[in-house]
All heavy atoms as atom14 arrays in JSON, in Angstrom:
{
  "sequence": "DTVALAATGDTASFGVGEWASVFATATNPEAFDGDEVTLTGFV",
  "atom14_mask": [
    [1, 1, 1, 1, 1, 1, 1, 1, 0, 0, 0, 0, 0, 0],
    [1, 1, 1, 1, 1, 1, 1, 0, 0, 0, 0, 0, 0, 0],
    [1, 1, 1, 1, 1, 1, 1, 0, 0, 0, 0, 0, 0, 0],
    [1, 1, 1, 1, 1, 0, 0, 0, 0, 0, 0, 0, 0, 0],
    [1, 1, 1, 1, 1, 1, 1, 1, 0, 0, 0, 0, 0, 0],
    [1, 1, 1, 1, 1, 0, 0, 0, 0, 0, 0, 0, 0, 0],
    [1, 1, 1, 1, 1, 0, 0, 0, 0, 0, 0, 0, 0, 0],
    [1, 1, 1, 1, 1, 1, 1, 0, 0, 0, 0, 0, 0, 0],
    [1, 1, 1, 1, 0, 0, 0, 0, 0, 0, 0, 0, 0, 0],
    [1, 1, 1, 1, 1, 1, 1, 1, 0, 0, 0, 0, 0, 0],
    [1, 1, 1, 1, 1, 1, 1, 0, 0, 0, 0, 0, 0, 0],
    [1, 1, 1, 1, 1, 0, 0, 0, 0, 0, 0, 0, 0, 0],
    [1, 1, 1, 1, 1, 1, 0, 0, 0, 0, 0, 0, 0, 0],
    [1, 1, 1, 1, 1, 1, 1, 1, 1, 1, 1, 0, 0, 0],
    [1, 1, 1, 1, 0, 0, 0, 0, 0, 0, 0, 0, 0, 0],
    [1, 1, 1, 1, 1, 1, 1, 0, 0, 0, 0, 0, 0, 0],
    [1, 1, 1, 1, 0, 0, 0, 0, 0, 0, 0, 0, 0, 0],
    [1, 1, 1, 1, 1, 1, 1, 1, 1, 0, 0, 0, 0, 0],
    [1, 1, 1, 1, 1, 1, 1, 1, 1, 1, 1, 1, 1, 1],
    [1, 1, 1, 1, 1, 0, 0, 0, 0, 0, 0, 0, 0, 0],
    [1, 1, 1, 1, 1, 1, 0, 0, 0, 0, 0, 0, 0, 0],
    [1, 1, 1, 1, 1, 1, 1, 0, 0, 0, 0, 0, 0, 0],
    [1, 1, 1, 1, 1, 1, 1, 1, 1, 1, 1, 0, 0, 0],
    [1, 1, 1, 1, 1, 0, 0, 0, 0, 0, 0, 0, 0, 0],
    [1, 1, 1, 1, 1, 1, 1, 0, 0, 0, 0, 0, 0, 0],
    [1, 1, 1, 1, 1, 0, 0, 0, 0, 0, 0, 0, 0, 0],
    [1, 1, 1, 1, 1, 1, 1, 0, 0, 0, 0, 0, 0, 0],
    [1, 1, 1, 1, 1, 1, 1, 1, 0, 0, 0, 0, 0, 0],
    [1, 1, 1, 1, 1, 1, 1, 0, 0, 0, 0, 0, 0, 0],
    [1, 1, 1, 1, 1, 1, 1, 1, 1, 0, 0, 0, 0, 0],
    [1, 1, 1, 1, 1, 0, 0, 0, 0, 0, 0, 0, 0, 0],
    [1, 1, 1, 1, 1, 1, 1, 1, 1, 1, 1, 0, 0, 0],
    [1, 1, 1, 1, 1, 1, 1, 1, 0, 0, 0, 0, 0, 0],
    [1, 1, 1, 1, 0, 0, 0, 0, 0, 0, 0, 0, 0, 0],
    [1, 1, 1, 1, 1, 1, 1, 1, 0, 0, 0, 0, 0, 0],
    [1, 1, 1, 1, 1, 1, 1, 1, 1, 0, 0, 0, 0, 0],
    [1, 1, 1, 1, 1, 1, 1, 0, 0, 0, 0, 0, 0, 0],
    [1, 1, 1, 1, 1, 1, 1, 0, 0, 0, 0, 0, 0, 0],
    [1, 1, 1, 1, 1, 1, 1, 1, 0, 0, 0, 0, 0, 0],
    [1, 1, 1, 1, 1, 1, 1, 0, 0, 0, 0, 0, 0, 0],
    [1, 1, 1, 1, 0, 0, 0, 0, 0, 0, 0, 0, 0, 0],
    [1, 1, 1, 1, 1, 1, 1, 1, 1, 1, 1, 0, 0, 0],
    [1, 1, 1, 1, 1, 1, 1, 0, 0, 0, 0, 0, 0, 0]
  ],
  "atom14_positions": [
    [[-57.07, -43.85, -59.31], [-56.37, -44.78, -60.2], [-56.48, -46.21, -59.72], [-56.51, -47.14, -60.53], [-54.89, -44.38, -60.31], [-54.7, -43.08, -61.06], [-55.66, -42.64, -61.71], [-53.59, -42.5, -60.98], [0.0, 0.0, 0.0], [0.0, 0.0, 0.0], [0.0, 0.0, 0.0], [0.0, 0.0, 0.0], [0.0, 0.0, 0.0], [0.0, 0.0, 0.0]],
    [[-56.53, -46.39, -58.4], [-56.62, -47.75, -57.86], [-57.92, -48.42, -58.27], [-57.95, -49.58, -58.69], [-56.51, -47.73, -56.33], [-55.26, -47.13, -55.96], [-56.6, -49.12, -55.75], [0.0, 0.0, 0.0], [0.0, 0.0, 0.0], [0.0, 0.0, 0.0], [0.0, 0.0, 0.0], [0.0, 0.0, 0.0], [0.0, 0.0, 0.0], [0.0, 0.0, 0.0]],
    [[-59.03, -47.69, -58.16], [-60.33, -48.23, -58.54], [-60.36, -48.5, -60.03], [-60.87, -49.54, -60.49], [-61.45, -47.27, -58.13], [-62.81, -47.81, -58.56], [-61.43, -47.03, -56.63], [0.0, 0.0, 0.0], [0.0, 0.0, 0.0], [0.0, 0.0, 0.0], [0.0, 0.0, 0.0], [0.0, 0.0, 0.0], [0.0, 0.0, 0.0], [0.0, 0.0, 0.0]],
    [[-59.82, -47.59, -60.83], [-59.8, -47.78, -62.29], [-58.98, -49.01, -62.66], [-59.36, -49.78, -63.54], [-59.24, -46.53, -62.96], [0.0, 0.0, 0.0], [0.0, 0.0, 0.0], [0.0, 0.0, 0.0], [0.0, 0.0, 0.0], [0.0, 0.0, 0.0], [0.0, 0.0, 0.0], [0.0, 0.0, 0.0], [0.0, 0.0, 0.0], [0.0, 0.0, 0.0]],
    [[-57.83, -49.18, -61.98], [-56.99, -50.34, -62.25], [-57.7, -51.63, -61.86], [-57.64, -52.64, -62.57], [-55.67, -50.21, -61.5], [-54.62, -51.3, -61.76], [-54.21, -51.3, -63.23], [-53.4, -51.08, -60.87], [0.0, 0.0, 0.0], [0.0, 0.0, 0.0], [0.0, 0.0, 0.0], [0.0, 0.0, 0.0], [0.0, 0.0, 0.0], [0.0, 0.0, 0.0]],
    [[-58.4, -51.59, -60.73], [-59.13, -52.79, -60.29], [-60.21, -53.17, -61.28], [-60.48, -54.36, -61.5], [-59.73, -52.53, -58.9], [0.0, 0.0, 0.0], [0.0, 0.0, 0.0], [0.0, 0.0, 0.0], [0.0, 0.0, 0.0], [0.0, 0.0, 0.0], [0.0, 0.0, 0.0], [0.0, 0.0, 0.0], [0.0, 0.0, 0.0], [0.0, 0.0, 0.0]],
    [[-60.83, -52.17, -61.9], [-61.91, -52.45, -62.85], [-61.4, -53.18, -64.08], [-62.17, -53.88, -64.76], [-62.58, -51.15, -63.26], [0.0, 0.0, 0.0], [0.0, 0.0, 0.0], [0.0, 0.0, 0.0], [0.0, 0.0, 0.0], [0.0, 0.0, 0.0], [0.0, 0.0, 0.0], [0.0, 0.0, 0.0], [0.0, 0.0, 0.0], [0.0, 0.0, 0.0]],
    [[-60.1, -53.06, -64.38], [-59.54, -53.76, -65.54], [-59.19, -55.2, -65.22], [-58.83, -55.97, -66.11], [-58.26, -53.04, -66.02], [-57.24, -53.17, -65.04], [-58.52, -51.57, -66.29], [0.0, 0.0, 0.0], [0.0, 0.0, 0.0], [0.0, 0.0, 0.0], [0.0, 0.0, 0.0], [0.0, 0.0, 0.0], [0.0, 0.0, 0.0], [0.0, 0.0, 0.0]],
    [[-59.24, -55.56, -63.93], [-58.91, -56.91, -63.52], [-57.44, -57.1, -63.21], [-57.01, -58.21, -62.87], [0.0, 0.0, 0.0], [0.0, 0.0, 0.0], [0.0, 0.0, 0.0], [0.0, 0.0, 0.0], [0.0, 0.0, 0.0], [0.0, 0.0, 0.0], [0.0, 0.0, 0.0], [0.0, 0.0, 0.0], [0.0, 0.0, 0.0], [0.0, 0.0, 0.0]],
    [[-56.65, -56.02, -63.32], [-55.22, -56.11, -63.06], [-54.97, -55.89, -61.57], [-54.47, -54.84, -61.15], [-54.47, -55.08, -63.9], [-52.96, -55.23, -63.81], [-52.5, -56.26, -63.28], [-52.24, -54.3, -64.24], [0.0, 0.0, 0.0], [0.0, 0.0, 0.0], [0.0, 0.0, 0.0], [0.0, 0.0, 0.0], [0.0, 0.0, 0.0], [0.0, 0.0, 0.0]],
    [[-55.3, -56.88, -60.77], [-55.23, -56.73, -59.31], [-54.25, -57.71, -58.67], [-54.28, -57.91, -57.46], [-56.63, -56.95, -58.69], [-57.09, -58.26, -59.03], [-57.62, -55.91, -59.18], [0.0, 0.0, 0.0], [0.0, 0.0, 0.0], [0.0, 0.0, 0.0], [0.0, 0.0, 0.0], [0.0, 0.0, 0.0], [0.0, 0.0, 0.0], [0.0, 0.0, 0.0]],
    [[-53.39, -58.31, -59.46], [-52.48, -59.33, -58.92], [-51.58, -58.77, -57.83], [-51.21, -59.49, -56.89], [-51.64, -59.92, -60.05], [0.0, 0.0, 0.0], [0.0, 0.0, 0.0], [0.0, 0.0, 0.0], [0.0, 0.0, 0.0], [0.0, 0.0, 0.0], [0.0, 0.0, 0.0], [0.0, 0.0, 0.0], [0.0, 0.0, 0.0], [0.0, 0.0, 0.0]],
    [[-51.21, -57.5, -57.95], [-50.3, -56.9, -56.96], [-51.04, -56.2, -55.83], [-50.4, -55.62, -54.96], [-49.37, -55.9, -57.66], [-50.13, -54.82, -58.2], [0.0, 0.0, 0.0], [0.0, 0.0, 0.0], [0.0, 0.0, 0.0], [0.0, 0.0, 0.0], [0.0, 0.0, 0.0], [0.0, 0.0, 0.0], [0.0, 0.0, 0.0], [0.0, 0.0, 0.0]],
    [[-52.35, -56.25, -55.83], [-53.13, -55.53, -54.81], [-52.94, -56.18, -53.44], [-52.98, -57.4, -53.3], [-54.61, -55.53, -55.16], [-55.02, -54.41, -56.08], [-54.11, -53.85, -56.95], [-56.32, -53.93, -56.07], [-54.48, -52.82, -57.8], [-56.7, -52.9, -56.91], [-55.79, -52.34, -57.79], [0.0, 0.0, 0.0], [0.0, 0.0, 0.0], [0.0, 0.0, 0.0]],
    [[-52.76, -55.33, -52.44], [-52.76, -55.78, -51.06], [-54.01, -55.32, -50.35], [-54.97, -54.85, -50.99], [0.0, 0.0, 0.0], [0.0, 0.0, 0.0], [0.0, 0.0, 0.0], [0.0, 0.0, 0.0], [0.0, 0.0, 0.0], [0.0, 0.0, 0.0], [0.0, 0.0, 0.0], [0.0, 0.0, 0.0], [0.0, 0.0, 0.0], [0.0, 0.0, 0.0]],
    [[-54.0, -55.41, -49.04], [-55.17, -54.98, -48.27], [-55.45, -53.5, -48.49], [-56.61, -53.08, -48.59], [-54.95, -55.28, -46.77], [-56.08, -54.69, -45.93], [-54.85, -56.79, -46.53], [0.0, 0.0, 0.0], [0.0, 0.0, 0.0], [0.0, 0.0, 0.0], [0.0, 0.0, 0.0], [0.0, 0.0, 0.0], [0.0, 0.0, 0.0], [0.0, 0.0, 0.0]],
    [[-54.4, -52.69, -48.57], [-54.59, -51.25, -48.74], [-55.34, -50.91, -50.01], [-56.28, -50.1, -50.0], [0.0, 0.0, 0.0], [0.0, 0.0, 0.0], [0.0, 0.0, 0.0], [0.0, 0.0, 0.0], [0.0, 0.0, 0.0], [0.0, 0.0, 0.0], [0.0, 0.0, 0.0], [0.0, 0.0, 0.0], [0.0, 0.0, 0.0], [0.0, 0.0, 0.0]],
    [[-54.94, -51.51, -51.14], [-55.62, -51.23, -52.41], [-57.07, -51.7, -52.39], [-57.98, -50.99, -52.82], [-54.88, -51.9, -53.57], [-53.59, -51.21, -53.98], [-52.39, -51.67, -53.16], [-52.57, -52.56, -52.29], [-51.28, -51.16, -53.37], [0.0, 0.0, 0.0], [0.0, 0.0, 0.0], [0.0, 0.0, 0.0], [0.0, 0.0, 0.0], [0.0, 0.0, 0.0]],
    [[-57.27, -52.93, -51.87], [-58.64, -53.44, -51.84], [-59.52, -52.65, -50.87], [-60.71, -52.45, -51.12], [-58.67, -54.92, -51.49], [-58.37, -55.82, -52.65], [-57.33, -56.69, -52.8], [-59.14, -55.92, -53.86], [-57.39, -57.33, -54.0], [-58.49, -56.88, -54.68], [-60.29, -55.31, -54.34], [-58.97, -57.23, -55.94], [-60.78, -55.65, -55.6], [-60.12, -56.6, -56.38]],
    [[-58.95, -52.17, -49.78], [-59.72, -51.34, -48.85], [-60.2, -50.07, -49.54], [-61.32, -49.61, -49.32], [-58.88, -50.99, -47.62], [0.0, 0.0, 0.0], [0.0, 0.0, 0.0], [0.0, 0.0, 0.0], [0.0, 0.0, 0.0], [0.0, 0.0, 0.0], [0.0, 0.0, 0.0], [0.0, 0.0, 0.0], [0.0, 0.0, 0.0], [0.0, 0.0, 0.0]],
    [[-59.34, -49.5, -50.38], [-59.72, -48.31, -51.13], [-60.84, -48.63, -52.13], [-61.8, -47.87, -52.26], [-58.5, -47.75, -51.86], [-58.83, -46.58, -52.57], [0.0, 0.0, 0.0], [0.0, 0.0, 0.0], [0.0, 0.0, 0.0], [0.0, 0.0, 0.0], [0.0, 0.0, 0.0], [0.0, 0.0, 0.0], [0.0, 0.0, 0.0], [0.0, 0.0, 0.0]],
    [[-60.7, -49.77, -52.81], [-61.74, -50.18, -53.76], [-63.06, -50.42, -53.05], [-64.12, -49.95, -53.48], [-61.3, -51.44, -54.53], [-62.46, -51.99, -55.38], [-60.1, -51.14, -55.41], [0.0, 0.0, 0.0], [0.0, 0.0, 0.0], [0.0, 0.0, 0.0], [0.0, 0.0, 0.0], [0.0, 0.0, 0.0], [0.0, 0.0, 0.0], [0.0, 0.0, 0.0]],
    [[-63.01, -51.14, -51.94], [-64.24, -51.44, -51.2], [-64.94, -50.17, -50.72], [-66.17, -50.09, -50.68], [-63.91, -52.31, -49.98], [-63.73, -53.78, -50.3], [-63.3, -54.19, -51.55], [-63.98, -54.75, -49.34], [-63.12, -55.54, -51.85], [-63.81, -56.1, -49.61], [-63.38, -56.49, -50.87], [0.0, 0.0, 0.0], [0.0, 0.0, 0.0], [0.0, 0.0, 0.0]],
    [[-64.15, -49.15, -50.36], [-64.72, -47.94, -49.77], [-65.22, -46.95, -50.81], [-66.12, -46.15, -50.52], [-63.69, -47.26, -48.88], [0.0, 0.0, 0.0], [0.0, 0.0, 0.0], [0.0, 0.0, 0.0], [0.0, 0.0, 0.0], [0.0, 0.0, 0.0], [0.0, 0.0, 0.0], [0.0, 0.0, 0.0], [0.0, 0.0, 0.0], [0.0, 0.0, 0.0]],
    [[-64.66, -46.99, -52.03], [-64.96, -45.91, -52.98], [-65.57, -46.38, -54.29], [-65.97, -45.53, -55.1], [-63.67, -45.13, -53.29], [-62.69, -46.01, -53.85], [-63.1, -44.49, -52.04], [0.0, 0.0, 0.0], [0.0, 0.0, 0.0], [0.0, 0.0, 0.0], [0.0, 0.0, 0.0], [0.0, 0.0, 0.0], [0.0, 0.0, 0.0], [0.0, 0.0, 0.0]],
    [[-65.64, -47.68, -54.55], [-66.17, -48.16, -55.83], [-67.63, -47.76, -55.99], [-68.45, -47.96, -55.08], [-66.01, -49.68, -55.93], [0.0, 0.0, 0.0], [0.0, 0.0, 0.0], [0.0, 0.0, 0.0], [0.0, 0.0, 0.0], [0.0, 0.0, 0.0], [0.0, 0.0, 0.0], [0.0, 0.0, 0.0], [0.0, 0.0, 0.0], [0.0, 0.0, 0.0]],
    [[-67.96, -47.19, -57.15], [-69.35, -46.81, -57.42], [-70.12, -47.91, -58.13], [-71.33, -47.82, -58.29], [-69.38, -45.53, -58.29], [-68.63, -45.77, -59.49], [-68.77, -44.36, -57.53], [0.0, 0.0, 0.0], [0.0, 0.0, 0.0], [0.0, 0.0, 0.0], [0.0, 0.0, 0.0], [0.0, 0.0, 0.0], [0.0, 0.0, 0.0], [0.0, 0.0, 0.0]],
    [[-69.4, -48.94, -58.59], [-70.04, -50.09, -59.23], [-69.55, -51.37, -58.57], [-68.83, -52.17, -59.19], [-69.77, -50.11, -60.73], [-68.28, -50.11, -61.04], [-67.46, -49.68, -60.23], [-67.93, -50.62, -62.22], [0.0, 0.0, 0.0], [0.0, 0.0, 0.0], [0.0, 0.0, 0.0], [0.0, 0.0, 0.0], [0.0, 0.0, 0.0], [0.0, 0.0, 0.0]],
    [[-69.92, -51.63, -57.32], [-69.4, -52.79, -56.59], [-69.69, -54.11, -57.28], [-68.95, -55.08, -57.12], [-70.09, -52.69, -55.23], [-71.27, -51.82, -55.45], [-70.88, -50.85, -56.5], [0.0, 0.0, 0.0], [0.0, 0.0, 0.0], [0.0, 0.0, 0.0], [0.0, 0.0, 0.0], [0.0, 0.0, 0.0], [0.0, 0.0, 0.0], [0.0, 0.0, 0.0]],
    [[-70.78, -54.17, -58.08], [-71.12, -55.43, -58.73], [-70.04, -55.86, -59.72], [-69.93, -57.05, -60.06], [-72.47, -55.3, -59.46], [-72.49, -54.34, -60.63], [-72.65, -52.88, -60.22], [-72.77, -52.61, -59.01], [-72.66, -52.01, -61.12], [0.0, 0.0, 0.0], [0.0, 0.0, 0.0], [0.0, 0.0, 0.0], [0.0, 0.0, 0.0], [0.0, 0.0, 0.0]],
    [[-69.21, -54.92, -60.17], [-68.16, -55.25, -61.12], [-67.08, -56.13, -60.51], [-66.35, -56.82, -61.23], [-67.52, -53.97, -61.67], [0.0, 0.0, 0.0], [0.0, 0.0, 0.0], [0.0, 0.0, 0.0], [0.0, 0.0, 0.0], [0.0, 0.0, 0.0], [0.0, 0.0, 0.0], [0.0, 0.0, 0.0], [0.0, 0.0, 0.0], [0.0, 0.0, 0.0]],
    [[-66.99, -56.14, -59.18], [-65.94, -56.9, -58.51], [-66.47, -58.21, -57.91], [-65.69, -59.0, -57.37], [-65.29, -56.06, -57.41], [-64.75, -54.75, -57.93], [-65.46, -53.58, -57.75], [-63.56, -54.71, -58.61], [-64.98, -52.38, -58.24], [-63.06, -53.51, -59.1], [-63.78, -52.34, -58.93], [0.0, 0.0, 0.0], [0.0, 0.0, 0.0], [0.0, 0.0, 0.0]],
    [[-67.77, -58.42, -58.01], [-68.37, -59.63, -57.46], [-67.82, -60.85, -58.2], [-67.85, -60.91, -59.43], [-69.89, -59.57, -57.6], [-70.58, -60.69, -56.84], [-70.65, -61.83, -57.39], [-71.02, -60.46, -55.71], [0.0, 0.0, 0.0], [0.0, 0.0, 0.0], [0.0, 0.0, 0.0], [0.0, 0.0, 0.0], [0.0, 0.0, 0.0], [0.0, 0.0, 0.0]],
    [[-67.28, -61.8, -57.42], [-66.74, -63.03, -58.01], [-65.24, -63.03, -58.16], [-64.66, -64.08, -58.5], [0.0, 0.0, 0.0], [0.0, 0.0, 0.0], [0.0, 0.0, 0.0], [0.0, 0.0, 0.0], [0.0, 0.0, 0.0], [0.0, 0.0, 0.0], [0.0, 0.0, 0.0], [0.0, 0.0, 0.0], [0.0, 0.0, 0.0], [0.0, 0.0, 0.0]],
    [[-64.57, -61.9, -57.93], [-63.1, -61.86, -58.03], [-62.49, -62.7, -56.91], [-62.89, -62.6, -55.75], [-62.58, -60.42, -57.93], [-62.84, -59.61, -59.18], [-63.45, -60.16, -60.13], [-62.46, -58.42, -59.2], [0.0, 0.0, 0.0], [0.0, 0.0, 0.0], [0.0, 0.0, 0.0], [0.0, 0.0, 0.0], [0.0, 0.0, 0.0], [0.0, 0.0, 0.0]],
    [[-61.5, -63.51, -57.28], [-60.78, -64.32, -56.3], [-59.59, -63.55, -55.74], [-58.86, -62.88, -56.49], [-60.29, -65.62, -56.94], [-61.4, -66.49, -57.54], [-62.25, -67.14, -56.46], [-61.73, -67.33, -55.34], [-63.41, -67.47, -56.76], [0.0, 0.0, 0.0], [0.0, 0.0, 0.0], [0.0, 0.0, 0.0], [0.0, 0.0, 0.0], [0.0, 0.0, 0.0]],
    [[-59.4, -63.62, -54.42], [-58.3, -62.9, -53.79], [-57.62, -63.78, -52.74], [-58.24, -64.67, -52.16], [-58.77, -61.58, -53.1], [-59.3, -60.59, -54.12], [-59.83, -61.89, -52.04], [0.0, 0.0, 0.0], [0.0, 0.0, 0.0], [0.0, 0.0, 0.0], [0.0, 0.0, 0.0], [0.0, 0.0, 0.0], [0.0, 0.0, 0.0], [0.0, 0.0, 0.0]],
    [[-56.35, -63.5, -52.52], [-55.59, -64.08, -51.42], [-54.83, -62.93, -50.77], [-53.97, -62.3, -51.42], [-54.61, -65.16, -51.89], [-55.34, -66.24, -52.49], [-53.79, -65.7, -50.72], [0.0, 0.0, 0.0], [0.0, 0.0, 0.0], [0.0, 0.0, 0.0], [0.0, 0.0, 0.0], [0.0, 0.0, 0.0], [0.0, 0.0, 0.0], [0.0, 0.0, 0.0]],
    [[-55.16, -62.64, -49.53], [-54.6, -61.48, -48.85], [-54.08, -61.87, -47.47], [-54.6, -62.8, -46.83], [-55.65, -60.38, -48.7], [-56.22, -59.78, -49.99], [-57.4, -58.86, -49.68], [-55.13, -59.02, -50.74], [0.0, 0.0, 0.0], [0.0, 0.0, 0.0], [0.0, 0.0, 0.0], [0.0, 0.0, 0.0], [0.0, 0.0, 0.0], [0.0, 0.0, 0.0]],
    [[-53.09, -61.14, -47.01], [-52.51, -61.38, -45.69], [-52.62, -60.12, -44.83], [-52.38, -59.0, -45.32], [-51.03, -61.78, -45.82], [-50.94, -63.02, -46.51], [-50.37, -61.91, -44.45], [0.0, 0.0, 0.0], [0.0, 0.0, 0.0], [0.0, 0.0, 0.0], [0.0, 0.0, 0.0], [0.0, 0.0, 0.0], [0.0, 0.0, 0.0], [0.0, 0.0, 0.0]],
    [[-52.99, -60.32, -43.58], [-53.1, -59.22, -42.64], [-53.35, -59.76, -41.25], [-53.27, -60.97, -41.02], [0.0, 0.0, 0.0], [0.0, 0.0, 0.0], [0.0, 0.0, 0.0], [0.0, 0.0, 0.0], [0.0, 0.0, 0.0], [0.0, 0.0, 0.0], [0.0, 0.0, 0.0], [0.0, 0.0, 0.0], [0.0, 0.0, 0.0], [0.0, 0.0, 0.0]],
    [[-53.66, -58.84, -40.32], [-53.99, -59.31, -38.98], [-55.47, -59.07, -38.7], [-56.14, -58.25, -39.36], [-53.11, -58.66, -37.91], [-53.1, -57.15, -37.92], [-54.08, -56.42, -37.27], [-52.08, -56.47, -38.55], [-54.07, -55.04, -37.26], [-52.05, -55.08, -38.55], [-53.05, -54.36, -37.91], [0.0, 0.0, 0.0], [0.0, 0.0, 0.0], [0.0, 0.0, 0.0]],
    [[-56.0, -59.8, -37.75], [-57.43, -59.82, -37.47], [-57.82, -58.66, -36.57], [-57.18, -58.38, -35.55], [-57.82, -61.15, -36.8], [-59.29, -61.14, -36.38], [-57.54, -62.33, -37.74], [0.0, 0.0, 0.0], [0.0, 0.0, 0.0], [0.0, 0.0, 0.0], [0.0, 0.0, 0.0], [0.0, 0.0, 0.0], [0.0, 0.0, 0.0], [0.0, 0.0, 0.0]]
  ]
}
């Protein structure tokens, strides 16, 4: 569901956890190219 939701562009509430799932499992990564994000975490 996370990947499907990301594909609709409804990612305003996404944190590192959701994007990590998208990055790891998306079968069409080109669909997310160009999306702007602001995320907080540790290095």
